[in-house]
C-alpha atoms as a PDB file:
ATOM      1  CA  MET A   1       0.000   0.000   0.000  1.00  0.00           C
ATOM      2  CA  GLU A   2       1.505   3.315  -1.134  1.00  0.00           C
ATOM      3  CA  GLY A   3       0.691   6.681   0.379  1.00  0.00           C
ATOM      4  CA  VAL A   4      -0.872   7.450   3.754  1.00  0.00           C
ATOM      5  CA  TYR A   5      -2.953   5.104   5.887  1.00  0.00           C
ATOM      6  CA  TYR A   6      -3.758   4.565   9.552  1.00  0.00           C
ATOM      7  CA  ILE A   7      -3.236   1.586  11.829  1.00  0.00           C
ATOM      8  CA  THR A   8      -4.463   0.459  15.242  1.00  0.00           C
ATOM      9  CA  THR A   9      -1.997  -1.546  17.329  1.00  0.00           C
ATOM     10  CA  PRO A  10      -1.725  -2.837  20.929  1.00  0.00           C
ATOM     11  CA  ILE A  11       0.133   0.350  21.924  1.00  0.00           C
ATOM     12  CA  GLY A  12      -1.919   2.930  20.060  1.00  0.00           C
ATOM     13  CA  LYS A  13      -2.930   4.420  16.733  1.00  0.00           C
ATOM     14  CA  PHE A  14      -0.446   5.677  14.161  1.00  0.00           C
ATOM     15  CA  ARG A  15      -0.338   7.225  10.755  1.00  0.00           C
ATOM     16  CA  VAL A  16       1.829   5.339   8.266  1.00  0.00           C
ATOM     17  CA  VAL A  17       3.469   7.054   5.299  1.00  0.00           C
ATOM     18  CA  LYS A  18       4.906   4.792   2.593  1.00  0.00           C
ATOM     19  CA  SER A  19       6.584   6.561  -0.308  1.00  0.00           C
ATOM     20  CA  SER A  20       8.975   5.889  -3.172  1.00  0.00           C
ATOM     21  CA  HIS A  21      11.921   8.038  -4.196  1.00  0.00           C
ATOM     22  CA  ALA A  22      14.777   8.082  -6.671  1.00  0.00           C
ATOM     23  CA  GLU A  23      18.391   9.153  -6.297  1.00  0.00           C
ATOM     24  CA  VAL A  24      21.125   9.541  -8.878  1.00  0.00           C
ATOM     25  CA  LYS A  25      24.713   8.713  -7.970  1.00  0.00           C
ATOM     26  CA  LYS A  26      27.517   8.725 -10.541  1.00  0.00           C
ATOM     27  CA  GLY A  27      24.953   8.834 -13.322  1.00  0.00           C
ATOM     28  CA  SER A  28      23.094   5.787 -12.056  1.00  0.00           C
ATOM     29  CA  LYS A  29      19.507   6.006 -10.881  1.00  0.00           C
ATOM     30  CA  ARG A  30      18.350   3.982  -7.870  1.00  0.00           C
ATOM     31  CA  VAL A  31      14.805   3.719  -6.571  1.00  0.00           C
ATOM     32  CA  TYR A  32      14.206   3.398  -2.855  1.00  0.00           C
ATOM     33  CA  SER A  33      11.256   3.444  -0.480  1.00  0.00           C
ATOM     34  CA  THR A  34      10.678   4.862   2.969  1.00  0.00           C
ATOM     35  CA  LEU A  35       8.223   3.911   5.682  1.00  0.00           C
ATOM     36  CA  LYS A  36       7.376   6.309   8.520  1.00  0.00           C
ATOM     37  CA  LEU A  37       5.249   5.820  11.612  1.00  0.00           C
ATOM     38  CA  GLU A  38       3.948   9.080  12.967  1.00  0.00           C
ATOM     39  CA  CYS A  39       1.071  11.309  13.902  1.00  0.00           C
ATOM     40  CA  PRO A  40       0.342  14.470  11.902  1.00  0.00           C
ATOM     41  CA  LYS A  41       2.624  16.713  13.990  1.00  0.00           C
ATOM     42  CA  ASN A  42       5.617  14.457  14.370  1.00  0.00           C
ATOM     43  CA  TYR A  43       7.311  11.395  12.920  1.00  0.00           C
ATOM     44  CA  CYS A  44       9.227   9.116  15.219  1.00  0.00           C
ATOM     45  CA  ILE A  45      10.545   6.215  13.172  1.00  0.00           C
ATOM     46  CA  GLU A  46      11.661   5.854   9.568  1.00  0.00           C
ATOM     47  CA  TYR A  47      12.938   2.886   7.575  1.00  0.00           C
ATOM     48  CA  LYS A  48      14.555   3.018   4.140  1.00  0.00           C
ATOM     49  CA  TRP A  49      15.227   0.280   1.590  1.00  0.00           C
ATOM     50  CA  TYR A  50      16.263  -0.050  -2.027  1.00  0.00           C
ATOM     51  CA  ASP A  51      14.266  -2.018  -4.555  1.00  0.00           C
ATOM     52  CA  SER A  52      15.210  -5.696  -4.911  1.00  0.00           C
ATOM     53  CA  GLU A  53      17.170  -5.687  -1.635  1.00  0.00           C
ATOM     54  CA  GLU A  54      16.468  -7.714   1.490  1.00  0.00           C
ATOM     55  CA  ILE A  55      18.077  -5.236   3.893  1.00  0.00           C
ATOM     56  CA  VAL A  56      16.327  -2.239   5.460  1.00  0.00           C
ATOM     57  CA  GLU A  57      18.086   0.718   7.087  1.00  0.00           C
ATOM     58  CA  LEU A  58      16.682   2.248  10.258  1.00  0.00           C
ATOM     59  CA  GLN A  59      17.034   5.955   9.501  1.00  0.00           C
ATOM     60  CA  TRP A  60      15.487   7.436  12.598  1.00  0.00           C
ATOM     61  CA  LEU A  61      14.037   6.455  15.947  1.00  0.00           C
ATOM     62  CA  ASP A  62      13.037   9.138  18.442  1.00  0.00           C
ATOM     63  CA  VAL A  63      10.226   8.807  20.945  1.00  0.00           C
ATOM     64  CA  GLU A  64      11.687  11.033  23.647  1.00  0.00           C
ATOM     65  CA  GLN A  65      10.107  14.219  22.334  1.00  0.00           C
ATOM     66  CA  GLY A  66       6.637  12.624  22.215  1.00  0.00           C
ATOM     67  CA  GLY A  67       3.953  13.264  19.636  1.00  0.00           C
ATOM     68  CA  CYS A  68       4.297   9.830  18.044  1.00  0.00           C
ATOM     69  CA  GLU A  69       0.810   8.436  18.609  1.00  0.00           C
ATOM     70  CA  MET A  70      -2.469   9.826  17.263  1.00  0.00           C
ATOM     71  CA  THR A  71      -4.091  10.265  20.690  1.00  0.00           C
ATOM     72  CA  ASP A  72      -0.889  11.338  22.490  1.00  0.00           C
ATOM     73  CA  VAL A  73      -0.298   8.003  24.194  1.00  0.00           C
ATOM     74  CA  GLU A  74       3.248   8.097  25.544  1.00  0.00           C
ATOM     75  CA  ILE A  75       5.640   5.686  23.842  1.00  0.00           C
ATOM     76  CA  ARG A  76       8.307   4.747  26.377  1.00  0.00           C
ATOM     77  CA  LYS A  77      10.378   1.781  27.579  1.00  0.00           C
ATOM     78  CA  GLU A  78       8.916  -1.543  26.368  1.00  0.00           C
ATOM     79  CA  LYS A  79       6.429   0.310  24.178  1.00  0.00           C
ATOM     80  CA  THR A  80       9.441   1.582  22.220  1.00  0.00           C
ATOM     81  CA  VAL A  81      10.427  -2.025  21.541  1.00  0.00           C
ATOM     82  CA  THR A  82       6.899  -2.837  20.361  1.00  0.00           C
ATOM     83  CA  PHE A  83       6.983   0.338  18.246  1.00  0.00           C
ATOM     84  CA  MET A  84      10.069  -0.988  16.443  1.00  0.00           C
ATOM     85  CA  TYR A  85       8.419  -4.378  15.913  1.00  0.00           C
ATOM     86  CA  ILE A  86       5.321  -2.680  14.469  1.00  0.00           C
ATOM     87  CA  GLY A  87       7.569  -1.150  11.835  1.00  0.00           C
ATOM     88  CA  MET A  88       9.191  -4.513  11.126  1.00  0.00           C
ATOM     89  CA  THR A  89       5.759  -6.168  10.845  1.00  0.00           C
ATOM     90  CA  LEU A  90       4.724  -3.629   8.214  1.00  0.00           C
ATOM     91  CA  LEU A  91       8.052  -3.962   6.408  1.00  0.00           C
ATOM     92  CA  ARG A  92       7.529  -7.701   5.959  1.00  0.00           C
ATOM     93  CA  LYS A  93       4.297  -6.942   4.109  1.00  0.00           C
ATOM     94  CA  TYR A  94       6.327  -4.936   1.567  1.00  0.00           C
ATOM     95  CA  ILE A  95       9.439  -7.135   1.617  1.00  0.00           C
ATOM     96  CA  PRO A  96       8.445 -10.764   2.316  1.00  0.00           C
ATOM     97  CA  THR A  97      12.113 -11.794   1.980  1.00  0.00           C
ATOM     98  CA  LEU A  98      13.347  -9.186   4.481  1.00  0.00           C
ATOM     99  CA  LYS A  99      16.495 -10.520   6.154  1.00  0.00           C
ATOM    100  CA  LYS A 100      18.112  -7.711   8.147  1.00  0.00           C
ATOM    101  CA  VAL A 101      17.719  -4.228   9.571  1.00  0.00           C
ATOM    102  CA  TRP A 102      20.883  -2.123   9.592  1.00  0.00           C
ATOM    103  CA  LEU A 103      21.294   0.824  11.942  1.00  0.00           C
ATOM    104  CA  LEU A 104      23.722   3.414  13.220  1.00  0.00           C
ATOM    105  CA  ASP A 105      23.617   3.335  17.006  1.00  0.00           C
ATOM    106  CA  ASN A 106      24.092   6.940  18.060  1.00  0.00           C
ATOM    107  CA  SER A 107      21.293   6.715  20.627  1.00  0.00           C
ATOM    108  CA  LYS A 108      21.246   9.369  23.323  1.00  0.00           C
ATOM    109  CA  ILE A 109      19.359  10.295  26.459  1.00  0.00           C
ATOM    110  CA  LYS A 110      19.012  13.508  28.420  1.00  0.00           C
ATOM    111  CA  CYS A 111      20.117  13.473  32.034  1.00  0.00           C
ATOM    112  CA  THR A 112      19.786  16.296  34.567  1.00  0.00           C
ATOM    113  CA  LEU A 113      22.596  17.058  36.981  1.00  0.00           C
ATOM    114  CA  PRO A 114      21.735  17.794  40.626  1.00  0.00           C
ATOM    115  CA  LEU A 115      20.617  21.345  41.257  1.00  0.00           C
ATOM    116  CA  GLN A 116      23.529  23.261  42.749  1.00  0.00           C
ATOM    117  CA  GLU A 117      23.507  25.927  45.418  1.00  0.00           C
ATOM    118  CA  ASN A 118      22.470  29.351  44.062  1.00  0.00           C
ATOM    119  CA  GLN A 119      21.553  27.757  40.722  1.00  0.00           C
ATOM    120  CA  GLN A 120      18.297  28.885  39.118  1.00  0.00           C
ATOM    121  CA  SER A 121      17.772  25.861  36.904  1.00  0.00           C
ATOM    122  CA  PRO A 122      19.476  22.459  36.650  1.00  0.00           C
ATOM    123  CA  ILE A 123      22.015  21.620  33.962  1.00  0.00           C
ATOM    124  CA  VAL A 124      20.958  19.022  31.395  1.00  0.00           C
ATOM    125  CA  GLN A 125      23.567  16.797  29.788  1.00  0.00           C
ATOM    126  CA  THR A 126      23.358  14.549  26.729  1.00  0.00           C
ATOM    127  CA  MET A 127      24.556  11.026  27.431  1.00  0.00           C
ATOM    128  CA  SER A 128      25.346   8.195  25.046  1.00  0.00           C
ATOM    129  CA  LEU A 129      22.713   5.525  25.678  1.00  0.00           C
ATOM    130  CA  LYS A 130      24.906   3.009  23.882  1.00  0.00           C
ATOM    131  CA  HIS A 131      27.747   3.500  26.379  1.00  0.00           C
ATOM    132  CA  LEU A 132      25.572   3.862  29.471  1.00  0.00           C
ATOM    133  CA  TYR A 133      23.452   0.797  28.700  1.00  0.00           C
ATOM    134  CA  PHE A 134      26.543  -1.247  27.889  1.00  0.00           C
ATOM    135  CA  LEU A 135      28.164  -0.282  31.185  1.00  0.00           C
ATOM    136  CA  THR A 136      25.108  -0.963  33.325  1.00  0.00           C
ATOM    137  CA  LYS A 137      23.617  -3.950  31.437  1.00  0.00           C
ATOM    138  CA  GLN A 138      26.680  -5.492  29.705  1.00  0.00           C
ATOM    139  CA  SER A 139      25.065  -5.043  26.301  1.00  0.00           C
ATOM    140  CA  THR A 140      23.774  -2.180  24.181  1.00  0.00           C
ATOM    141  CA  TRP A 141      20.067  -1.350  24.127  1.00  0.00           C
ATOM    142  CA  TYR A 142      19.580  -2.624  20.574  1.00  0.00           C
ATOM    143  CA  GLU A 143      21.509  -5.769  21.453  1.00  0.00           C
ATOM    144  CA  ALA A 144      19.412  -6.462  24.555  1.00  0.00           C
ATOM    145  CA  LYS A 145      16.032  -5.728  22.969  1.00  0.00           C
ATOM    146  CA  PHE A 146      16.478  -6.984  19.390  1.00  0.00           C
ATOM    147  CA  GLY A 147      19.527  -9.233  19.395  1.00  0.00           C
ATOM    148  CA  ALA A 148      21.506  -6.682  17.372  1.00  0.00           C
ATOM    149  CA  TYR A 149      25.183  -7.384  16.725  1.00  0.00           C
ATOM    150  CA  PRO A 150      28.018  -5.404  15.088  1.00  0.00           C
ATOM    151  CA  LEU A 151      27.860  -5.195  11.309  1.00  0.00           C
ATOM    152  CA  ASP A 152      31.611  -5.590  10.813  1.00  0.00           C
ATOM    153  CA  ASP A 153      32.986  -9.074  11.524  1.00  0.00           C
ATOM    154  CA  MET A 154      36.233  -7.825  13.056  1.00  0.00           C
ATOM    155  CA  GLN A 155      34.364  -5.411  15.299  1.00  0.00           C
ATOM    156  CA  TYR A 156      31.985  -8.209  16.257  1.00  0.00           C
ATOM    157  CA  ASN A 157      34.858 -10.449  17.341  1.00  0.00           C
ATOM    158  CA  SER A 158      36.535  -7.654  19.321  1.00  0.00           C
ATOM    159  CA  TYR A 159      33.272  -6.639  20.940  1.00  0.00           C
ATOM    160  CA  MET A 160      32.454 -10.173  22.070  1.00  0.00           C
ATOM    161  CA  LYS A 161      35.997 -10.649  23.348  1.00  0.00           C
ATOM    162  CA  TYR A 162      36.083  -7.494  25.475  1.00  0.00           C
ATOM    163  CA  LYS A 163      32.566  -8.043  26.835  1.00  0.00           C
ATOM    164  CA  GLN A 164      34.058 -10.934  28.783  1.00  0.00           C
ATOM    165  CA  ASN A 165      36.087  -8.405  30.785  1.00  0.00           C
ATOM    166  CA  PHE A 166      32.992  -7.578  32.831  1.00  0.00           C
ATOM    167  CA  ARG A 167      33.329 -10.899  34.659  1.00  0.00           C
ATOM    168  CA  ASP A 168      37.111 -11.242  34.642  1.00  0.00           C
ATOM    169  CA  PRO A 169      38.547 -10.033  38.000  1.00  0.00           C
ATOM    170  CA  THR A 170      41.947  -9.440  36.395  1.00  0.00           C
ATOM    171  CA  LYS A 171      40.427  -6.790  34.101  1.00  0.00           C
ATOM    172  CA  LYS A 172      39.157  -4.606  36.928  1.00  0.00           C
ATOM    173  CA  PRO A 173      41.867  -2.114  38.020  1.00  0.00           C
ATOM    174  CA  LEU A 174      42.641  -1.851  41.705  1.00  0.00           C
ATOM    175  CA  PHE A 175      41.744   1.830  41.585  1.00  0.00           C
ATOM    176  CA  PHE A 176      39.393   3.853  39.389  1.00  0.00           C
ATOM    177  CA  ASP A 177      38.910   7.613  39.319  1.00  0.00           C
ATOM    178  CA  PHE A 178      35.238   8.631  39.312  1.00  0.00           C
ATOM    179  CA  GLY A 179      36.130  12.210  38.418  1.00  0.00           C
ATOM    180  CA  ASN A 180      34.283  13.811  41.322  1.00  0.00           C
ATOM    181  CA  ASP A 181      35.045  13.917  45.060  1.00  0.00           C
ATOM    182  CA  ASP A 182      31.465  13.231  46.151  1.00  0.00           C
ATOM    183  CA  LEU A 183      31.222  10.265  43.801  1.00  0.00           C
ATOM    184  CA  ARG A 184      34.577   8.959  45.014  1.00  0.00           C
ATOM    185  CA  ASN A 185      33.274   9.008  48.571  1.00  0.00           C
ATOM    186  CA  MET A 186      30.115   7.166  47.512  1.00  0.00           C
ATOM    187  CA  PHE A 187      31.587   4.630  45.122  1.00  0.00           C
ATOM    188  CA  ASP A 188      35.156   3.903  46.253  1.00  0.00           C
ATOM    189  CA  PRO A 189      34.074   1.617  49.132  1.00  0.00           C
ATOM    190  CA  ILE A 190      31.753  -0.324  46.796  1.00  0.00           C
ATOM    191  CA  TYR A 191      34.376  -0.517  44.069  1.00  0.00           C
ATOM    192  CA  GLU A 192      37.027  -1.798  46.443  1.00  0.00           C
ATOM    193  CA  SER A 193      34.714  -4.439  47.907  1.00  0.00           C
ATOM    194  CA  THR A 194      33.716  -5.975  44.566  1.00  0.00           C
ATOM    195  CA  SER A 195      35.839  -8.338  42.498  1.00  0.00           C
ATOM    196  CA  SER A 196      34.710  -7.567  38.925  1.00  0.00           C
ATOM    197  CA  TRP A 197      33.110  -4.855  36.816  1.00  0.00           C
ATOM    198  CA  ALA A 198      29.938  -6.954  36.623  1.00  0.00           C
ATOM    199  CA  GLU A 199      29.724  -7.226  40.397  1.00  0.00           C
ATOM    200  CA  PHE A 200      30.433  -3.535  40.864  1.00  0.00           C
ATOM    201  CA  MET A 201      27.822  -2.430  38.311  1.00  0.00           C
ATOM    202  CA  LYS A 202      25.271  -4.792  39.852  1.00  0.00           C
ATOM    203  CA  ALA A 203      25.771  -2.955  43.156  1.00  0.00           C
ATOM    204  CA  LEU A 204      25.037   0.371  41.427  1.00  0.00           C
ATOM    205  CA  GLU A 205      21.914  -0.617  39.486  1.00  0.00           C
ATOM    206  CA  GLU A 206      19.617   1.704  41.464  1.00  0.00           C
ATOM    207  CA  GLN A 207      21.767   4.804  40.865  1.00  0.00           C
ATOM    208  CA  PRO A 208      20.335   7.736  38.842  1.00  0.00           C
ATOM    209  CA  CYS A 209      21.921   8.487  35.481  1.00  0.00           C
ATOM    210  CA  ASN A 210      23.544  11.742  36.640  1.00  0.00           C
ATOM    211  CA  ARG A 211      25.914   9.846  38.942  1.00  0.00           C
ATOM    212  CA  TYR A 212      27.462   8.199  35.877  1.00  0.00           C
ATOM    213  CA  ILE A 213      28.066  11.357  33.860  1.00  0.00           C
ATOM    214  CA  PRO A 214      31.629  12.164  35.022  1.00  0.00           C
ATOM    215  CA  TRP A 215      32.979   8.631  34.519  1.00  0.00           C
ATOM    216  CA  TYR A 216      30.854   6.273  32.379  1.00  0.00           C
ATOM    217  CA  ILE A 217      32.742   6.829  29.104  1.00  0.00           C
ATOM    218  CA  LYS A 218      36.060   6.282  30.870  1.00  0.00           C
ATOM    219  CA  ALA A 219      34.765   3.074  32.477  1.00  0.00           C
ATOM    220  CA  VAL A 220      33.670   1.652  29.105  1.00  0.00           C
ATOM    221  CA  SER A 221      37.098   2.488  27.681  1.00  0.00           C
ATOM    222  CA  GLU A 222      38.684   0.661  30.624  1.00  0.00           C
ATOM    223  CA  ILE A 223      36.525  -2.426  30.050  1.00  0.00           C
ATOM    224  CA  MET A 224      37.466  -2.383  26.358  1.00  0.00           C
ATOM    225  CA  GLU A 225      41.121  -2.136  27.472  1.00  0.00           C
ATOM    226  CA  ARG A 226      41.429   1.232  25.740  1.00  0.00           C
ATOM    227  CA  LYS A 227      41.982  -0.631  22.459  1.00  0.00           C
ATOM    228  CA  VAL A 228      38.654  -0.388  20.644  1.00  0.00           C
ATOM    229  CA  SER A 229      35.500   1.679  20.913  1.00  0.00           C
ATOM    230  CA  LEU A 230      31.958   0.388  20.899  1.00  0.00           C
ATOM    231  CA  PRO A 231      30.849  -0.309  17.311  1.00  0.00           C
ATOM    232  CA  ASP A 232      28.664   2.270  15.593  1.00  0.00           C
ATOM    233  CA  TYR A 233      26.989   0.110  12.959  1.00  0.00           C
ATOM    234  CA  TRP A 234      24.771  -2.841  13.946  1.00  0.00           C
ATOM    235  CA  GLN A 235      22.378  -5.292  12.328  1.00  0.00           C
ATOM    236  CA  ILE A 236      19.238  -7.088  13.448  1.00  0.00           C
ATOM    237  CA  ASP A 237      18.345 -10.434  11.901  1.00  0.00           C
ATOM    238  CA  ILE A 238      14.744 -10.853  10.766  1.00  0.00           C
ATOM    239  CA  HIS A 239      13.474 -14.416  10.841  1.00  0.00           C
ATOM    240  CA  GLU A 240      10.361 -16.468  11.541  1.00  0.00           C
ATOM    241  CA  SER A 241      10.682 -16.037  15.307  1.00  0.00           C
ATOM    242  CA  THR A 242      10.852 -12.220  15.068  1.00  0.00           C
ATOM    243  CA  PRO A 243       7.699 -10.952  16.844  1.00  0.00           C
ATOM    244  CA  SER A 244       4.860  -9.963  14.541  1.00  0.00           C
ATOM    245  CA  ILE A 245       2.527  -7.359  16.034  1.00  0.00           C
ATOM    246  CA  HIS A 246      -1.214  -7.493  15.366  1.00  0.00           C
ATOM    247  CA  ILE A 247      -2.132  -4.504  13.211  1.00  0.00           C
ATOM    248  CA  GLU A 248      -5.512  -3.312  11.965  1.00  0.00           C
ATOM    249  CA  ILE A 249      -5.315  -1.125   8.887  1.00  0.00           C
ATOM    250  CA  GLN A 250      -7.910   1.669   8.966  1.00  0.00           C
ATOM    251  CA  GLY A 251      -7.541   2.996   5.448  1.00  0.00           C
ATOM    252  CA  GLY A 252      -5.913   6.037   3.910  1.00  0.00           C
ATOM    253  CA  ARG A 253      -6.303   9.758   4.188  1.00  0.00           C
ATOM    254  CA  GLY A 254      -8.108  10.072   7.484  1.00  0.00           C
ATOM    255  CA  GLY A 255      -8.910   6.467   8.379  1.00  0.00           C
ATOM    256  CA  GLY A 256     -11.906   7.505  10.455  1.00  0.00           C
ATOM    257  CA  TYR A 257      -9.870   9.726  12.787  1.00  0.00           C
ATOM    258  CA  LYS A 258     -10.401  13.411  13.202  1.00  0.00           C
ATOM    259  CA  ARG A 259      -7.823  15.306  11.203  1.00  0.00           C
ATOM    260  CA  THR A 260      -5.841  17.984  13.000  1.00  0.00           C
ATOM    261  CA  THR A 261      -4.035  20.708  11.120  1.00  0.00           C
ATOM    262  CA  TYR A 262      -0.499  21.613  12.187  1.00  0.00           C
ATOM    263  CA  ARG A 263       1.552  24.342  10.621  1.00  0.00           C
ATOM    264  CA  LYS A 264       4.569  22.132  10.185  1.00  0.00           C
ATOM    265  CA  GLN A 265       5.457  18.590  11.069  1.00  0.00           C
ATOM    266  CA  ARG A 266       8.539  18.311  13.249  1.00  0.00           C
ATOM    267  CA  GLN A 267      11.528  17.172  11.273  1.00  0.00           C
ATOM    268  CA  PRO A 268      14.097  14.847  12.851  1.00  0.00           C
ATOM    269  CA  SER A 269      16.345  16.757  15.216  1.00  0.00           C
ATOM    270  CA  TYR A 270      17.945  16.222  18.568  1.00  0.00           C
ATOM    271  CA  THR A 271      19.037  18.849  21.036  1.00  0.00           C
ATOM    272  CA  GLU A 272      22.680  18.315  21.960  1.00  0.00           C
ATOM    273  CA  TYR A 273      23.331  19.890  25.330  1.00  0.00           C
ATOM    274  CA  PRO A 274      26.863  21.252  25.789  1.00  0.00           C
ATOM    275  CA  THR A 275      29.000  18.743  27.647  1.00  0.00           C
ATOM    276  CA  LEU A 276      30.619  20.078  30.775  1.00  0.00           C
ATOM    277  CA  SER A 277      34.382  19.765  30.984  1.00  0.00           C
ATOM    278  CA  PRO A 278      35.927  17.184  33.345  1.00  0.00           C
ATOM    279  CA  SER A 279      37.048  19.999  35.647  1.00  0.00           C
ATOM    280  CA  ARG A 280      33.522  21.410  35.806  1.00  0.00           C
ATOM    281  CA  LEU A 281      32.018  17.956  36.411  1.00  0.00           C
ATOM    282  CA  SER A 282      34.485  17.420  39.228  1.00  0.00           C
ATOM    283  CA  GLU A 283      32.952  20.408  41.005  1.00  0.00           C
ATOM    284  CA  ILE A 284      29.339  19.187  40.863  1.00  0.00           C
ATOM    285  CA  ARG A 285      28.037  18.439  44.350  1.00  0.00           C
ATOM    286  CA  TYR A 286      26.227  15.151  44.855  1.00  0.00           C
ATOM    287  CA  THR A 287      24.399  14.175  48.003  1.00  0.00           C
ATOM    288  CA  PRO A 288      24.098  10.512  49.090  1.00  0.00           C
END
């Protein structure tokens, strides 16, 4: 089905936009298609694929800013996973031989630092979800939720090798600098009493995100032995056991829902908050 239509799913109602495009590179024309799930004021996920190919690229996934569902149902946590699977379910209607979804994992979250004395408003920082999730869960978010794995074979082998360092006591340094005096006071006793990174991170699983800001990137680098970084490009295998979400198609151009006029649909964007320097982060006061 080409064009615009509406669907009802277990997590809400969405508008679907399926369109075809053409691009010319080096004098050669290629036709590709895109599939977006959205509501009229915002689109939150987009897939792209070329004709006659069995691989789809995830171009965009953003639910943090809201406005994804027709009746303003919030899409968060496990609903985000279902949201992805809704897209994959629709894709298999267009590409019955779909084998893989490729993606660039540059996922981010916003995290607010503690309000400081004489400060009018708190400071918001952008954190890498890929690094934070890996540190706290021993896998990336896409890996944990969809079984994603690095696209490059060499990166895959390195990644799987260094993941083992979480449970290897010899890979945990005797001392680690948390980059902030308050955090050192909180975490040093726990760090010194645990035998591995996995055990230490298990002891911190109830900590808010802002207590990781000064040191989480450094910790990941330490676990990876400062030799490789976390891979950027990942792939998700699509097979018979991939969840298929029940979808009711409502029809195109309105689908029985009340149309709302917006001046302009939000285009993909993400606010990058300036990252504080290590010296500034070292001065942030944390309370136990």
